[in-house]
Amino acid sequence: MDDLSRFCCQNSECPDHGQRGAGNLTVCDHYGPNNGRRMLRCRTCKSRFSERKGTIFFGATLPEEQIASVMEHIGEGCGVRKTSRLVGVHRDTVTRYSMLAGEHAKDLHDELVAFSPRDTRGPV
């Protein structure tokens, strides 16, 4: 049995949209290299989407290892041109993945802040 608790429906029209671990997702197919990626289906709205949708890997043409290397270099403070040389990709590719990662980080931050408990201590 696949653990799908960290995934949620990606259809913004679905009542279960964004609810992780709601039990509404099933694996309906496999695709990609060696059929290693799962296609998920929402039981509520019947929409299908890749397990990679909503990540920087969705629609990527670079291997995961190379994308991870780009992100590691940027995270360590390397510039775009230096990262481009070290990883062996064009500087526009580094910029594109950096922008995608930034958007995903913002979305994750907003999601986590929405679930943060309120501070009941009052002004300090």
PDB file of N, CA and C in Angstrom:
ATOM      1  N   MET A   1       0.844  -1.191   0.000  1.00  0.00           N
ATOM      2  CA  MET A   1       0.000   0.000   0.000  1.00  0.00           C
ATOM      3  C   MET A   1       0.883   1.246   0.000  1.00  0.00           C
ATOM      4  N   ASP A   2       0.580   2.174  -0.857  1.00  0.00           N
ATOM      5  CA  ASP A   2       1.347   3.414  -0.962  1.00  0.00           C
ATOM      6  C   ASP A   2       0.951   4.396   0.137  1.00  0.00           C
ATOM      7  N   ASP A   3       1.939   5.058   0.722  1.00  0.00           N
ATOM      8  CA  ASP A   3       1.664   6.095   1.707  1.00  0.00           C
ATOM      9  C   ASP A   3       1.454   7.410   0.970  1.00  0.00           C
ATOM     10  N   LEU A   4       0.229   7.885   0.937  1.00  0.00           N
ATOM     11  CA  LEU A   4      -0.115   9.110   0.221  1.00  0.00           C
ATOM     12  C   LEU A   4      -0.467  10.246   1.183  1.00  0.00           C
ATOM     13  N   SER A   5      -0.100  10.106   2.451  1.00  0.00           N
ATOM     14  CA  SER A   5      -0.504  11.081   3.465  1.00  0.00           C
ATOM     15  C   SER A   5       0.130  12.462   3.256  1.00  0.00           C
ATOM     16  N   ARG A   6       1.233  12.541   2.542  1.00  0.00           N
ATOM     17  CA  ARG A   6       1.861  13.853   2.346  1.00  0.00           C
ATOM     18  C   ARG A   6       1.373  14.564   1.089  1.00  0.00           C
ATOM     19  N   PHE A   7       0.454  13.917   0.354  1.00  0.00           N
ATOM     20  CA  PHE A   7      -0.088  14.518  -0.863  1.00  0.00           C
ATOM     21  C   PHE A   7      -1.488  15.064  -0.612  1.00  0.00           C
ATOM     22  N   CYS A   8      -1.907  15.980  -1.475  1.00  0.00           N
ATOM     23  CA  CYS A   8      -3.261  16.526  -1.405  1.00  0.00           C
ATOM     24  C   CYS A   8      -3.767  16.761  -2.820  1.00  0.00           C
ATOM     25  N   CYS A   9      -5.071  16.908  -2.954  1.00  0.00           N
ATOM     26  CA  CYS A   9      -5.660  17.156  -4.272  1.00  0.00           C
ATOM     27  C   CYS A   9      -5.174  18.505  -4.789  1.00  0.00           C
ATOM     28  N   GLN A  10      -4.785  18.539  -6.055  1.00  0.00           N
ATOM     29  CA  GLN A  10      -4.256  19.754  -6.673  1.00  0.00           C
ATOM     30  C   GLN A  10      -5.322  20.562  -7.400  1.00  0.00           C
ATOM     31  N   ASN A  11      -6.552  20.041  -7.454  1.00  0.00           N
ATOM     32  CA  ASN A  11      -7.648  20.726  -8.132  1.00  0.00           C
ATOM     33  C   ASN A  11      -8.229  21.786  -7.209  1.00  0.00           C
ATOM     34  N   SER A  12      -8.096  23.064  -7.567  1.00  0.00           N
ATOM     35  CA  SER A  12      -8.552  24.151  -6.703  1.00  0.00           C
ATOM     36  C   SER A  12     -10.072  24.178  -6.552  1.00  0.00           C
ATOM     37  N   GLU A  13     -10.800  23.482  -7.423  1.00  0.00           N
ATOM     38  CA  GLU A  13     -12.260  23.429  -7.337  1.00  0.00           C
ATOM     39  C   GLU A  13     -12.745  22.318  -6.395  1.00  0.00           C
ATOM     40  N   CYS A  14     -11.857  21.448  -5.975  1.00  0.00           N
ATOM     41  CA  CYS A  14     -12.217  20.286  -5.160  1.00  0.00           C
ATOM     42  C   CYS A  14     -12.410  20.691  -3.697  1.00  0.00           C
ATOM     43  N   PRO A  15     -13.443  20.139  -3.037  1.00  0.00           N
ATOM     44  CA  PRO A  15     -13.636  20.430  -1.609  1.00  0.00           C
ATOM     45  C   PRO A  15     -12.468  19.943  -0.741  1.00  0.00           C
ATOM     46  N   ASP A  16     -11.728  18.938  -1.225  1.00  0.00           N
ATOM     47  CA  ASP A  16     -10.584  18.409  -0.476  1.00  0.00           C
ATOM     48  C   ASP A  16      -9.251  19.017  -0.911  1.00  0.00           C
ATOM     49  N   HIS A  17      -9.300  20.077  -1.699  1.00  0.00           N
ATOM     50  CA  HIS A  17      -8.083  20.729  -2.199  1.00  0.00           C
ATOM     51  C   HIS A  17      -7.195  21.160  -1.036  1.00  0.00           C
ATOM     52  N   GLY A  18      -5.911  20.768  -1.091  1.00  0.00           N
ATOM     53  CA  GLY A  18      -4.926  21.192  -0.106  1.00  0.00           C
ATOM     54  C   GLY A  18      -4.974  20.456   1.222  1.00  0.00           C
ATOM     55  N   GLN A  19      -5.864  19.487   1.373  1.00  0.00           N
ATOM     56  CA  GLN A  19      -5.969  18.755   2.640  1.00  0.00           C
ATOM     57  C   GLN A  19      -5.131  17.488   2.566  1.00  0.00           C
ATOM     58  N   ARG A  20      -4.008  17.500   3.239  1.00  0.00           N
ATOM     59  CA  ARG A  20      -3.119  16.346   3.238  1.00  0.00           C
ATOM     60  C   ARG A  20      -3.678  15.243   4.135  1.00  0.00           C
ATOM     61  N   GLY A  21      -3.483  14.019   3.687  1.00  0.00           N
ATOM     62  CA  GLY A  21      -3.894  12.865   4.485  1.00  0.00           C
ATOM     63  C   GLY A  21      -5.387  12.720   4.639  1.00  0.00           C
ATOM     64  N   ALA A  22      -6.168  13.224   3.694  1.00  0.00           N
ATOM     65  CA  ALA A  22      -7.627  13.162   3.791  1.00  0.00           C
ATOM     66  C   ALA A  22      -8.172  11.796   3.371  1.00  0.00           C
ATOM     67  N   GLY A  23      -7.311  10.935   2.815  1.00  0.00           N
ATOM     68  CA  GLY A  23      -7.754   9.607   2.400  1.00  0.00           C
ATOM     69  C   GLY A  23      -8.507   9.588   1.085  1.00  0.00           C
ATOM     70  N   ASN A  24      -8.473  10.683   0.361  1.00  0.00           N
ATOM     71  CA  ASN A  24      -9.207  10.779  -0.901  1.00  0.00           C
ATOM     72  C   ASN A  24      -8.357  10.458  -2.130  1.00  0.00           C
ATOM     73  N   LEU A  25      -7.079  10.175  -1.958  1.00  0.00           N
ATOM     74  CA  LEU A  25      -6.199   9.929  -3.100  1.00  0.00           C
ATOM     75  C   LEU A  25      -5.877   8.456  -3.261  1.00  0.00           C
ATOM     76  N   THR A  26      -5.796   8.048  -4.529  1.00  0.00           N
ATOM     77  CA  THR A  26      -5.379   6.692  -4.861  1.00  0.00           C
ATOM     78  C   THR A  26      -4.359   6.772  -5.991  1.00  0.00           C
ATOM     79  N   VAL A  27      -3.572   5.731  -6.140  1.00  0.00           N
ATOM     80  CA  VAL A  27      -2.634   5.639  -7.259  1.00  0.00           C
ATOM     81  C   VAL A  27      -3.378   4.972  -8.400  1.00  0.00           C
ATOM     82  N   CYS A  28      -3.503   5.685  -9.519  1.00  0.00           N
ATOM     83  CA  CYS A  28      -4.253   5.129 -10.644  1.00  0.00           C
ATOM     84  C   CYS A  28      -3.343   4.678 -11.781  1.00  0.00           C
ATOM     85  N   ASP A  29      -2.079   5.085 -11.757  1.00  0.00           N
ATOM     86  CA  ASP A  29      -1.172   4.711 -12.841  1.00  0.00           C
ATOM     87  C   ASP A  29       0.260   5.039 -12.428  1.00  0.00           C
ATOM     88  N   HIS A  30       1.203   4.525 -13.192  1.00  0.00           N
ATOM     89  CA  HIS A  30       2.617   4.843 -13.035  1.00  0.00           C
ATOM     90  C   HIS A  30       3.135   5.309 -14.384  1.00  0.00           C
ATOM     91  N   TYR A  31       4.123   6.189 -14.378  1.00  0.00           N
ATOM     92  CA  TYR A  31       4.680   6.711 -15.624  1.00  0.00           C
ATOM     93  C   TYR A  31       6.127   7.108 -15.405  1.00  0.00           C
ATOM     94  N   GLY A  32       6.762   7.590 -16.461  1.00  0.00           N
ATOM     95  CA  GLY A  32       8.125   8.086 -16.363  1.00  0.00           C
ATOM     96  C   GLY A  32       9.158   6.989 -16.485  1.00  0.00           C
ATOM     97  N   PRO A  33      10.408   7.349 -16.228  1.00  0.00           N
ATOM     98  CA  PRO A  33      11.488   6.365 -16.333  1.00  0.00           C
ATOM     99  C   PRO A  33      11.232   5.173 -15.404  1.00  0.00           C
ATOM    100  N   ASN A  34      11.249   3.993 -15.978  1.00  0.00           N
ATOM    101  CA  ASN A  34      11.025   2.753 -15.228  1.00  0.00           C
ATOM    102  C   ASN A  34       9.692   2.735 -14.487  1.00  0.00           C
ATOM    103  N   ASN A  35       8.724   3.523 -14.969  1.00  0.00           N
ATOM    104  CA  ASN A  35       7.410   3.627 -14.312  1.00  0.00           C
ATOM    105  C   ASN A  35       7.558   3.946 -12.824  1.00  0.00           C
ATOM    106  N   GLY A  36       8.516   4.794 -12.495  1.00  0.00           N
ATOM    107  CA  GLY A  36       8.814   5.102 -11.103  1.00  0.00           C
ATOM    108  C   GLY A  36       8.016   6.248 -10.510  1.00  0.00           C
ATOM    109  N   ARG A  37       7.221   6.929 -11.323  1.00  0.00           N
ATOM    110  CA  ARG A  37       6.433   8.056 -10.825  1.00  0.00           C
ATOM    111  C   ARG A  37       4.960   7.667 -10.796  1.00  0.00           C
ATOM    112  N   ARG A  38       4.262   8.161  -9.782  1.00  0.00           N
ATOM    113  CA  ARG A  38       2.860   7.783  -9.622  1.00  0.00           C
ATOM    114  C   ARG A  38       1.930   8.863 -10.150  1.00  0.00           C
ATOM    115  N   MET A  39       0.847   8.412 -10.781  1.00  0.00           N
ATOM    116  CA  MET A  39      -0.240   9.282 -11.178  1.00  0.00           C
ATOM    117  C   MET A  39      -1.313   9.097 -10.112  1.00  0.00           C
ATOM    118  N   LEU A  40      -1.732  10.186  -9.490  1.00  0.00           N
ATOM    119  CA  LEU A  40      -2.702  10.115  -8.406  1.00  0.00           C
ATOM    120  C   LEU A  40      -4.084  10.539  -8.886  1.00  0.00           C
ATOM    121  N   ARG A  41      -5.121  10.005  -8.239  1.00  0.00           N
ATOM    122  CA  ARG A  41      -6.503  10.333  -8.576  1.00  0.00           C
ATOM    123  C   ARG A  41      -7.239  10.675  -7.292  1.00  0.00           C
ATOM    124  N   CYS A  42      -8.003  11.755  -7.336  1.00  0.00           N
ATOM    125  CA  CYS A  42      -8.800  12.180  -6.189  1.00  0.00           C
ATOM    126  C   CYS A  42     -10.173  11.513  -6.290  1.00  0.00           C
ATOM    127  N   ARG A  43     -10.578  10.822  -5.243  1.00  0.00           N
ATOM    128  CA  ARG A  43     -11.893  10.167  -5.223  1.00  0.00           C
ATOM    129  C   ARG A  43     -13.026  11.179  -5.142  1.00  0.00           C
ATOM    130  N   THR A  44     -12.751  12.356  -4.615  1.00  0.00           N
ATOM    131  CA  THR A  44     -13.791  13.372  -4.435  1.00  0.00           C
ATOM    132  C   THR A  44     -14.167  14.030  -5.760  1.00  0.00           C
ATOM    133  N   CYS A  45     -13.167  14.533  -6.478  1.00  0.00           N
ATOM    134  CA  CYS A  45     -13.461  15.282  -7.711  1.00  0.00           C
ATOM    135  C   CYS A  45     -13.086  14.523  -8.980  1.00  0.00           C
ATOM    136  N   LYS A  46     -12.486  13.352  -8.838  1.00  0.00           N
ATOM    137  CA  LYS A  46     -12.091  12.481  -9.953  1.00  0.00           C
ATOM    138  C   LYS A  46     -10.956  13.045 -10.803  1.00  0.00           C
ATOM    139  N   SER A  47     -10.270  14.098 -10.352  1.00  0.00           N
ATOM    140  CA  SER A  47      -9.161  14.638 -11.139  1.00  0.00           C
ATOM    141  C   SER A  47      -7.911  13.785 -10.946  1.00  0.00           C
ATOM    142  N   ARG A  48      -7.061  13.814 -11.978  1.00  0.00           N
ATOM    143  CA  ARG A  48      -5.801  13.062 -11.953  1.00  0.00           C
ATOM    144  C   ARG A  48      -4.652  14.044 -12.051  1.00  0.00           C
ATOM    145  N   PHE A  49      -3.558  13.732 -11.356  1.00  0.00           N
ATOM    146  CA  PHE A  49      -2.384  14.591 -11.401  1.00  0.00           C
ATOM    147  C   PHE A  49      -1.161  13.793 -10.975  1.00  0.00           C
ATOM    148  N   SER A  50      -0.014  14.283 -11.378  1.00  0.00           N
ATOM    149  CA  SER A  50       1.250  13.647 -11.051  1.00  0.00           C
ATOM    150  C   SER A  50       1.616  13.914  -9.598  1.00  0.00           C
ATOM    151  N   GLU A  51       2.308  12.966  -8.988  1.00  0.00           N
ATOM    152  CA  GLU A  51       2.795  13.184  -7.624  1.00  0.00           C
ATOM    153  C   GLU A  51       3.827  14.302  -7.589  1.00  0.00           C
ATOM    154  N   ARG A  52       4.369  14.681  -8.737  1.00  0.00           N
ATOM    155  CA  ARG A  52       5.362  15.748  -8.807  1.00  0.00           C
ATOM    156  C   ARG A  52       4.737  17.126  -9.011  1.00  0.00           C
ATOM    157  N   LYS A  53       3.436  17.180  -9.270  1.00  0.00           N
ATOM    158  CA  LYS A  53       2.788  18.474  -9.488  1.00  0.00           C
ATOM    159  C   LYS A  53       2.922  19.302  -8.214  1.00  0.00           C
ATOM    160  N   GLY A  54       3.262  20.560  -8.380  1.00  0.00           N
ATOM    161  CA  GLY A  54       3.458  21.421  -7.227  1.00  0.00           C
ATOM    162  C   GLY A  54       4.868  21.380  -6.672  1.00  0.00           C
ATOM    163  N   THR A  55       5.797  20.737  -7.399  1.00  0.00           N
ATOM    164  CA  THR A  55       7.194  20.701  -6.975  1.00  0.00           C
ATOM    165  C   THR A  55       8.065  21.250  -8.105  1.00  0.00           C
ATOM    166  N   ILE A  56       9.320  21.507  -7.811  1.00  0.00           N
ATOM    167  CA  ILE A  56      10.213  21.996  -8.860  1.00  0.00           C
ATOM    168  C   ILE A  56      10.566  20.895  -9.856  1.00  0.00           C
ATOM    169  N   PHE A  57      10.239  19.653  -9.539  1.00  0.00           N
ATOM    170  CA  PHE A  57      10.549  18.545 -10.436  1.00  0.00           C
ATOM    171  C   PHE A  57       9.482  18.327 -11.499  1.00  0.00           C
ATOM    172  N   PHE A  58       8.295  18.923 -11.346  1.00  0.00           N
ATOM    173  CA  PHE A  58       7.203  18.717 -12.299  1.00  0.00           C
ATOM    174  C   PHE A  58       7.568  19.322 -13.652  1.00  0.00           C
ATOM    175  N   GLY A  59       7.556  18.508 -14.675  1.00  0.00           N
ATOM    176  CA  GLY A  59       7.878  18.967 -16.023  1.00  0.00           C
ATOM    177  C   GLY A  59       9.352  19.218 -16.259  1.00  0.00           C
ATOM    178  N   ALA A  60      10.192  18.807 -15.332  1.00  0.00           N
ATOM    179  CA  ALA A  60      11.628  19.066 -15.447  1.00  0.00           C
ATOM    180  C   ALA A  60      12.265  18.154 -16.482  1.00  0.00           C
ATOM    181  N   THR A  61      13.232  18.689 -17.200  1.00  0.00           N
ATOM    182  CA  THR A  61      13.983  17.893 -18.157  1.00  0.00           C
ATOM    183  C   THR A  61      15.348  17.493 -17.598  1.00  0.00           C
ATOM    184  N   LEU A  62      15.811  18.213 -16.585  1.00  0.00           N
ATOM    185  CA  LEU A  62      17.076  17.859 -15.943  1.00  0.00           C
ATOM    186  C   LEU A  62      16.864  16.670 -15.000  1.00  0.00           C
ATOM    187  N   PRO A  63      17.877  15.852 -14.817  1.00  0.00           N
ATOM    188  CA  PRO A  63      17.773  14.778 -13.824  1.00  0.00           C
ATOM    189  C   PRO A  63      17.628  15.372 -12.412  1.00  0.00           C
ATOM    190  N   GLU A  64      16.946  14.641 -11.539  1.00  0.00           N
ATOM    191  CA  GLU A  64      16.714  15.110 -10.164  1.00  0.00           C
ATOM    192  C   GLU A  64      18.020  15.476  -9.460  1.00  0.00           C
ATOM    193  N   GLU A  65      19.063  14.669  -9.682  1.00  0.00           N
ATOM    194  CA  GLU A  65      20.338  14.916  -9.023  1.00  0.00           C
ATOM    195  C   GLU A  65      20.915  16.265  -9.422  1.00  0.00           C
ATOM    196  N   GLN A  66      20.747  16.625 -10.690  1.00  0.00           N
ATOM    197  CA  GLN A  66      21.296  17.895 -11.171  1.00  0.00           C
ATOM    198  C   GLN A  66      20.490  19.071 -10.603  1.00  0.00           C
ATOM    199  N   ILE A  67      19.174  18.918 -10.520  1.00  0.00           N
ATOM    200  CA  ILE A  67      18.337  19.970  -9.924  1.00  0.00           C
ATOM    201  C   ILE A  67      18.706  20.134  -8.453  1.00  0.00           C
ATOM    202  N   ALA A  68      18.874  19.013  -7.761  1.00  0.00           N
ATOM    203  CA  ALA A  68      19.253  19.069  -6.345  1.00  0.00           C
ATOM    204  C   ALA A  68      20.608  19.756  -6.182  1.00  0.00           C
ATOM    205  N   SER A  69      21.524  19.497  -7.087  1.00  0.00           N
ATOM    206  CA  SER A  69      22.846  20.126  -7.031  1.00  0.00           C
ATOM    207  C   SER A  69      22.735  21.637  -7.227  1.00  0.00           C
ATOM    208  N   VAL A  70      21.902  22.061  -8.178  1.00  0.00           N
ATOM    209  CA  VAL A  70      21.669  23.491  -8.386  1.00  0.00           C
ATOM    210  C   VAL A  70      21.159  24.119  -7.097  1.00  0.00           C
ATOM    211  N   MET A  71      20.169  23.477  -6.481  1.00  0.00           N
ATOM    212  CA  MET A  71      19.572  24.020  -5.250  1.00  0.00           C
ATOM    213  C   MET A  71      20.574  24.046  -4.092  1.00  0.00           C
ATOM    214  N   GLU A  72      21.422  23.025  -3.994  1.00  0.00           N
ATOM    215  CA  GLU A  72      22.440  23.001  -2.938  1.00  0.00           C
ATOM    216  C   GLU A  72      23.424  24.151  -3.098  1.00  0.00           C
ATOM    217  N   HIS A  73      23.877  24.390  -4.324  1.00  0.00           N
ATOM    218  CA  HIS A  73      24.833  25.470  -4.561  1.00  0.00           C
ATOM    219  C   HIS A  73      24.207  26.826  -4.267  1.00  0.00           C
ATOM    220  N   ILE A  74      22.991  27.039  -4.729  1.00  0.00           N
ATOM    221  CA  ILE A  74      22.309  28.307  -4.468  1.00  0.00           C
ATOM    222  C   ILE A  74      22.088  28.483  -2.969  1.00  0.00           C
ATOM    223  N   GLY A  75      21.701  27.407  -2.304  1.00  0.00           N
ATOM    224  CA  GLY A  75      21.486  27.451  -0.860  1.00  0.00           C
ATOM    225  C   GLY A  75      22.745  27.767  -0.077  1.00  0.00           C
ATOM    226  N   GLU A  76      23.888  27.390  -0.607  1.00  0.00           N
ATOM    227  CA  GLU A  76      25.170  27.671   0.045  1.00  0.00           C
ATOM    228  C   GLU A  76      25.686  29.072  -0.278  1.00  0.00           C
ATOM    229  N   GLY A  77      24.927  29.807  -1.094  1.00  0.00           N
ATOM    230  CA  GLY A  77      25.314  31.182  -1.375  1.00  0.00           C
ATOM    231  C   GLY A  77      26.111  31.378  -2.647  1.00  0.00           C
ATOM    232  N   CYS A  78      26.253  30.346  -3.453  1.00  0.00           N
ATOM    233  CA  CYS A  78      26.947  30.503  -4.735  1.00  0.00           C
ATOM    234  C   CYS A  78      26.081  31.359  -5.661  1.00  0.00           C
ATOM    235  N   GLY A  79      26.712  32.135  -6.480  1.00  0.00           N
ATOM    236  CA  GLY A  79      25.990  32.951  -7.436  1.00  0.00           C
ATOM    237  C   GLY A  79      25.483  32.119  -8.605  1.00  0.00           C
ATOM    238  N   VAL A  80      24.678  32.748  -9.443  1.00  0.00           N
ATOM    239  CA  VAL A  80      24.080  32.060 -10.580  1.00  0.00           C
ATOM    240  C   VAL A  80      25.150  31.573 -11.550  1.00  0.00           C
ATOM    241  N   ARG A  81      26.099  32.424 -11.893  1.00  0.00           N
ATOM    242  CA  ARG A  81      27.128  32.029 -12.862  1.00  0.00           C
ATOM    243  C   ARG A  81      28.039  30.935 -12.322  1.00  0.00           C
ATOM    244  N   LYS A  82      28.413  31.060 -11.047  1.00  0.00           N
ATOM    245  CA  LYS A  82      29.267  30.041 -10.450  1.00  0.00           C
ATOM    246  C   LYS A  82      28.533  28.705 -10.388  1.00  0.00           C
ATOM    247  N   THR A  83      27.271  28.722  -9.972  1.00  0.00           N
ATOM    248  CA  THR A  83      26.468  27.498  -9.934  1.00  0.00           C
ATOM    249  C   THR A  83      26.340  26.904 -11.323  1.00  0.00           C
ATOM    250  N   SER A  84      26.137  27.752 -12.307  1.00  0.00           N
ATOM    251  CA  SER A  84      26.032  27.307 -13.691  1.00  0.00           C
ATOM    252  C   SER A  84      27.286  26.553 -14.120  1.00  0.00           C
ATOM    253  N   ARG A  85      28.452  27.096 -13.811  1.00  0.00           N
ATOM    254  CA  ARG A  85      29.715  26.443 -14.162  1.00  0.00           C
ATOM    255  C   ARG A  85      29.904  25.134 -13.406  1.00  0.00           C
ATOM    256  N   LEU A  86      29.623  25.149 -12.094  1.00  0.00           N
ATOM    257  CA  LEU A  86      29.858  23.964 -11.266  1.00  0.00           C
ATOM    258  C   LEU A  86      28.941  22.796 -11.623  1.00  0.00           C
ATOM    259  N   VAL A  87      27.689  23.100 -11.948  1.00  0.00           N
ATOM    260  CA  VAL A  87      26.709  22.038 -12.232  1.00  0.00           C
ATOM    261  C   VAL A  87      26.694  21.665 -13.712  1.00  0.00           C
ATOM    262  N   GLY A  88      27.125  22.589 -14.561  1.00  0.00           N
ATOM    263  CA  GLY A  88      27.161  22.305 -15.994  1.00  0.00           C
ATOM    264  C   GLY A  88      25.847  22.572 -16.701  1.00  0.00           C
ATOM    265  N   VAL A  89      25.127  23.618 -16.253  1.00  0.00           N
ATOM    266  CA  VAL A  89      23.882  24.004 -16.903  1.00  0.00           C
ATOM    267  C   VAL A  89      23.971  25.484 -17.258  1.00  0.00           C
ATOM    268  N   HIS A  90      23.059  25.950 -18.086  1.00  0.00           N
ATOM    269  CA  HIS A  90      23.042  27.354 -18.480  1.00  0.00           C
ATOM    270  C   HIS A  90      22.604  28.214 -17.297  1.00  0.00           C
ATOM    271  N   ARG A  91      23.089  29.439 -17.248  1.00  0.00           N
ATOM    272  CA  ARG A  91      22.732  30.318 -16.129  1.00  0.00           C
ATOM    273  C   ARG A  91      21.239  30.618 -16.082  1.00  0.00           C
ATOM    274  N   ASP A  92      20.565  30.626 -17.240  1.00  0.00           N
ATOM    275  CA  ASP A  92      19.114  30.825 -17.242  1.00  0.00           C
ATOM    276  C   ASP A  92      18.390  29.651 -16.574  1.00  0.00           C
ATOM    277  N   THR A  93      18.964  28.460 -16.692  1.00  0.00           N
ATOM    278  CA  THR A  93      18.391  27.280 -16.033  1.00  0.00           C
ATOM    279  C   THR A  93      18.496  27.425 -14.528  1.00  0.00           C
ATOM    280  N   VAL A  94      19.637  27.902 -14.047  1.00  0.00           N
ATOM    281  CA  VAL A  94      19.831  28.130 -12.618  1.00  0.00           C
ATOM    282  C   VAL A  94      18.811  29.156 -12.119  1.00  0.00           C
ATOM    283  N   THR A  95      18.645  30.222 -12.868  1.00  0.00           N
ATOM    284  CA  THR A  95      17.685  31.268 -12.487  1.00  0.00           C
ATOM    285  C   THR A  95      16.270  30.714 -12.456  1.00  0.00           C
ATOM    286  N   ARG A  96      15.899  29.935 -13.483  1.00  0.00           N
ATOM    287  CA  ARG A  96      14.540  29.376 -13.563  1.00  0.00           C
ATOM    288  C   ARG A  96      14.237  28.480 -12.366  1.00  0.00           C
ATOM    289  N   TYR A  97      15.156  27.573 -12.026  1.00  0.00           N
ATOM    290  CA  TYR A  97      14.923  26.675 -10.898  1.00  0.00           C
ATOM    291  C   TYR A  97      14.956  27.426  -9.571  1.00  0.00           C
ATOM    292  N   SER A  98      15.766  28.464  -9.473  1.00  0.00           N
ATOM    293  CA  SER A  98      15.798  29.281  -8.255  1.00  0.00           C
ATOM    294  C   SER A  98      14.463  29.992  -8.050  1.00  0.00           C
ATOM    295  N   MET A  99      13.903  30.506  -9.131  1.00  0.00           N
ATOM    296  CA  MET A  99      12.602  31.181  -9.050  1.00  0.00           C
ATOM    297  C   MET A  99      11.504  30.187  -8.669  1.00  0.00           C
ATOM    298  N   LEU A 100      11.538  29.008  -9.283  1.00  0.00           N
ATOM    299  CA  LEU A 100      10.550  27.980  -8.944  1.00  0.00           C
ATOM    300  C   LEU A 100      10.646  27.578  -7.473  1.00  0.00           C
ATOM    301  N   ALA A 101      11.864  27.376  -7.002  1.00  0.00           N
ATOM    302  CA  ALA A 101      12.068  26.992  -5.604  1.00  0.00           C
ATOM    303  C   ALA A 101      11.597  28.097  -4.664  1.00  0.00           C
ATOM    304  N   GLY A 102      11.831  29.337  -5.034  1.00  0.00           N
ATOM    305  CA  GLY A 102      11.376  30.456  -4.213  1.00  0.00           C
ATOM    306  C   GLY A 102       9.859  30.518  -4.115  1.00  0.00           C
ATOM    307  N   GLU A 103       9.178  30.278  -5.235  1.00  0.00           N
ATOM    308  CA  GLU A 103       7.711  30.268  -5.232  1.00  0.00           C
ATOM    309  C   GLU A 103       7.182  29.145  -4.351  1.00  0.00           C
ATOM    310  N   HIS A 104       7.810  27.962  -4.461  1.00  0.00           N
ATOM    311  CA  HIS A 104       7.377  26.825  -3.644  1.00  0.00           C
ATOM    312  C   HIS A 104       7.644  27.080  -2.166  1.00  0.00           C
ATOM    313  N   ALA A 105       8.768  27.708  -1.854  1.00  0.00           N
ATOM    314  CA  ALA A 105       9.083  28.023  -0.460  1.00  0.00           C
ATOM    315  C   ALA A 105       8.071  29.007   0.113  1.00  0.00           C
ATOM    316  N   LYS A 106       7.676  29.992  -0.683  1.00  0.00           N
ATOM    317  CA  LYS A 106       6.671  30.956  -0.234  1.00  0.00           C
ATOM    318  C   LYS A 106       5.344  30.263   0.019  1.00  0.00           C
ATOM    319  N   ASP A 107       4.926  29.399  -0.910  1.00  0.00           N
ATOM    320  CA  ASP A 107       3.662  28.678  -0.742  1.00  0.00           C
ATOM    321  C   ASP A 107       3.689  27.799   0.504  1.00  0.00           C
ATOM    322  N   LEU A 108       4.811  27.104   0.723  1.00  0.00           N
ATOM    323  CA  LEU A 108       4.929  26.257   1.901  1.00  0.00           C
ATOM    324  C   LEU A 108       4.902  27.096   3.175  1.00  0.00           C
ATOM    325  N   HIS A 109       5.594  28.218   3.174  1.00  0.00           N
ATOM    326  CA  HIS A 109       5.576  29.116   4.326  1.00  0.00           C
ATOM    327  C   HIS A 109       4.151  29.557   4.633  1.00  0.00           C
ATOM    328  N   ASP A 110       3.421  29.983   3.604  1.00  0.00           N
ATOM    329  CA  ASP A 110       2.049  30.439   3.810  1.00  0.00           C
ATOM    330  C   ASP A 110       1.164  29.323   4.357  1.00  0.00           C
ATOM    331  N   GLU A 111       1.387  28.097   3.875  1.00  0.00           N
ATOM    332  CA  GLU A 111       0.608  26.956   4.359  1.00  0.00           C
ATOM    333  C   GLU A 111       0.920  26.666   5.821  1.00  0.00           C
ATOM    334  N   LEU A 112       2.191  26.689   6.186  1.00  0.00           N
ATOM    335  CA  LEU A 112       2.578  26.390   7.560  1.00  0.00           C
ATOM    336  C   LEU A 112       2.162  27.493   8.531  1.00  0.00           C
ATOM    337  N   VAL A 113       2.232  28.741   8.104  1.00  0.00           N
ATOM    338  CA  VAL A 113       1.819  29.855   8.960  1.00  0.00           C
ATOM    339  C   VAL A 113       0.323  29.778   9.233  1.00  0.00           C
ATOM    340  N   ALA A 114      -0.443  29.312   8.261  1.00  0.00           N
ATOM    341  CA  ALA A 114      -1.892  29.197   8.443  1.00  0.00           C
ATOM    342  C   ALA A 114      -2.232  28.221   9.567  1.00  0.00           C
ATOM    343  N   PHE A 115      -1.351  27.237   9.830  1.00  0.00           N
ATOM    344  CA  PHE A 115      -1.599  26.249  10.870  1.00  0.00           C
ATOM    345  C   PHE A 115      -0.865  26.546  12.172  1.00  0.00           C
ATOM    346  N   SER A 116      -0.153  27.654  12.225  1.00  0.00           N
ATOM    347  CA  SER A 116       0.589  27.994  13.433  1.00  0.00           C
ATOM    348  C   SER A 116      -0.386  28.375  14.546  1.00  0.00           C
ATOM    349  N   PRO A 117      -0.100  27.939  15.768  1.00  0.00           N
ATOM    350  CA  PRO A 117      -0.985  28.314  16.875  1.00  0.00           C
ATOM    351  C   PRO A 117      -0.861  29.799  17.173  1.00  0.00           C
ATOM    352  N   ARG A 118      -1.943  30.377  17.640  1.00  0.00           N
ATOM    353  CA  ARG A 118      -1.941  31.805  17.992  1.00  0.00           C
ATOM    354  C   ARG A 118      -1.146  32.005  19.270  1.00  0.00           C
ATOM    355  N   ASP A 119      -0.528  33.135  19.375  1.00  0.00           N
ATOM    356  CA  ASP A 119       0.218  33.494  20.577  1.00  0.00           C
ATOM    357  C   ASP A 119      -0.758  34.098  21.575  1.00  0.00           C
ATOM    358  N   THR A 120      -1.039  33.386  22.650  1.00  0.00           N
ATOM    359  CA  THR A 120      -2.018  33.832  23.639  1.00  0.00           C
ATOM    360  C   THR A 120      -1.377  34.577  24.816  1.00  0.00           C
ATOM    361  N   ARG A 121      -0.070  34.787  24.752  1.00  0.00           N
ATOM    362  CA  ARG A 121       0.622  35.462  25.857  1.00  0.00           C
ATOM    363  C   ARG A 121       0.343  36.946  25.896  1.00  0.00           C
ATOM    364  N   GLY A 122      -0.103  37.514  24.801  1.00  0.00           N
ATOM    365  CA  GLY A 122      -0.334  38.960  24.749  1.00  0.00           C
ATOM    366  C   GLY A 122       0.947  39.701  24.466  1.00  0.00           C
ATOM    367  N   PRO A 123       0.924  41.023  24.539  1.00  0.00           N
ATOM    368  CA  PRO A 123       2.135  41.800  24.250  1.00  0.00           C
ATOM    369  C   PRO A 123       3.230  41.525  25.272  1.00  0.00           C
ATOM    370  N   VAL A 124       4.426  41.448  24.773  1.00  0.00           N
ATOM    371  CA  VAL A 124       5.566  41.170  25.655  1.00  0.00           C
ATOM    372  C   VAL A 124       6.352  42.432  25.884  1.00  0.00           C
TER     373      VAL A 124
END
